[in-house]
Amino acid sequence: CRFSNTLPDGTNTGIVNLLFGDSTGTADSTDTIGFYLLNANNLRARCRQNNSESFVDLGFRPTLGQWYMFHVDINAAGNSVSFYIDDMVTPVATITTNIPNTSA
């Protein structure tokens, strides 16, 4: 993924979702797994089940024009999600709560 336009900030509000989810368009998903950037916040790894959310603030904002590889790995039991950016060896976050367990 390459961010080539304006990122959300204090002036340009918006949401950037890089995820698996149960809705499209501008609405936030009820059930989702992925990366999330809202307004002036840092990028987050996020799991959301039935509107209950667990997230890890990744401590950085993407740079415009730079390429990133985003990867999500859900374990076979479906009870742990590891998030990777560029480096596919070391996860930047692991979440074990609010993992969606239904299909929409």
Protein backbone atom coordinates (compact mmCIF):
# COMPACT_ATOMS: atom_id res chain seq x y z
CA CYS A 1 0.00 0.00 0.00
CA ARG A 2 1.22 3.49 -0.78
CA PHE A 3 -0.42 6.55 0.72
CA SER A 4 -0.38 9.08 -2.10
CA ASN A 5 -2.91 11.68 -0.94
CA THR A 6 -3.44 13.67 2.24
CA LEU A 7 -3.45 11.63 5.44
CA PRO A 8 -6.07 12.45 8.08
CA ASP A 9 -4.75 14.99 10.57
CA GLY A 10 -6.06 17.82 12.74
CA THR A 11 -7.29 19.67 9.64
CA ASN A 12 -8.10 16.86 7.19
CA THR A 13 -10.31 14.46 9.09
CA GLY A 14 -11.03 10.96 7.95
CA ILE A 15 -10.49 7.26 8.38
CA VAL A 16 -8.05 4.97 6.60
CA ASN A 17 -8.99 1.30 6.92
CA LEU A 18 -6.79 -1.52 5.65
CA LEU A 19 -8.80 -4.47 6.79
CA PHE A 20 -11.17 -7.37 6.55
CA GLY A 21 -14.58 -6.13 7.58
CA ASP A 22 -18.32 -6.49 7.26
CA SER A 23 -19.12 -3.17 5.59
CA THR A 24 -17.90 -1.01 2.74
CA GLY A 25 -18.00 2.70 2.12
CA THR A 26 -17.55 5.30 4.83
CA ALA A 27 -19.25 3.42 7.68
CA ASP A 28 -17.11 1.75 10.33
CA SER A 29 -17.41 -2.03 10.40
CA THR A 30 -19.12 -3.82 13.29
CA ASP A 31 -16.70 -6.75 12.95
CA THR A 32 -13.23 -6.16 11.58
CA ILE A 33 -9.55 -7.07 11.70
CA GLY A 34 -6.93 -4.73 10.28
CA PHE A 35 -5.01 -1.48 10.38
CA TYR A 36 -6.82 1.76 11.19
CA LEU A 37 -5.88 5.43 11.06
CA LEU A 38 -8.34 8.03 12.38
CA ASN A 39 -7.78 11.78 12.15
CA ALA A 40 -4.49 12.81 13.81
CA ASN A 41 -3.92 9.49 15.62
CA ASN A 42 -1.11 7.06 14.97
CA LEU A 43 -1.74 3.93 12.93
CA ARG A 44 -3.42 1.21 15.00
CA ALA A 45 -3.72 -2.55 14.78
CA ARG A 46 -7.36 -3.30 15.54
CA CYS A 47 -9.79 -6.14 16.17
CA ARG A 48 -13.46 -5.28 16.54
CA GLN A 49 -16.24 -7.74 17.37
CA ASN A 50 -19.85 -6.60 17.63
CA ASN A 51 -18.66 -2.97 18.07
CA SER A 52 -16.34 -3.88 21.00
CA GLU A 53 -12.78 -2.96 20.11
CA SER A 54 -9.23 -3.91 21.04
CA PHE A 55 -6.37 -1.98 19.49
CA VAL A 56 -2.65 -1.37 19.78
CA ASP A 57 -1.29 2.09 18.96
CA LEU A 58 1.68 1.37 16.68
CA GLY A 59 3.37 4.68 17.49
CA PHE A 60 3.78 6.02 13.97
CA ARG A 61 1.95 7.61 11.07
CA PRO A 62 2.57 6.47 7.51
CA THR A 63 4.68 8.72 5.31
CA LEU A 64 3.11 9.97 2.09
CA GLY A 65 4.67 8.41 -1.00
CA GLN A 66 6.32 5.53 0.87
CA TRP A 67 5.36 1.93 0.12
CA TYR A 68 4.32 -0.37 2.97
CA MET A 69 3.43 -4.06 3.08
CA PHE A 70 0.66 -4.80 5.58
CA HIS A 71 0.02 -8.39 6.68
CA VAL A 72 -2.41 -9.93 9.17
CA ASP A 73 -2.02 -13.51 10.43
CA ILE A 74 -4.90 -15.18 12.28
CA ASN A 75 -3.86 -18.36 14.07
CA ALA A 76 -5.64 -21.66 13.34
CA ALA A 77 -7.66 -21.51 16.57
CA GLY A 78 -8.94 -18.03 15.68
CA ASN A 79 -7.94 -16.62 19.07
CA SER A 80 -4.87 -14.58 18.19
CA VAL A 81 -4.13 -12.07 15.43
CA SER A 82 -0.59 -10.92 14.61
CA PHE A 83 -0.01 -7.72 12.63
CA TYR A 84 3.04 -7.08 10.45
CA ILE A 85 4.32 -4.07 8.53
CA ASP A 86 7.08 -4.74 6.00
CA ASP A 87 9.02 -7.21 8.22
CA MET A 88 7.19 -10.54 8.01
CA VAL A 89 9.20 -12.07 10.88
CA THR A 90 8.43 -9.88 13.89
CA PRO A 91 4.84 -8.72 14.50
CA VAL A 92 4.32 -5.06 15.38
CA ALA A 93 1.32 -6.11 17.50
CA THR A 94 -0.65 -9.17 18.61
CA ILE A 95 -4.27 -8.99 19.74
CA THR A 96 -6.16 -11.79 21.50
CA THR A 97 -9.47 -10.09 22.34
CA ASN A 98 -12.49 -8.90 20.33
CA ILE A 99 -11.58 -11.10 17.36
CA PRO A 100 -14.66 -11.51 15.13
CA ASN A 101 -15.96 -15.07 15.13
CA THR A 102 -18.93 -14.80 12.77
CA SER A 103 -19.32 -14.07 9.10
CA ALA A 104 -21.44 -11.28 7.71
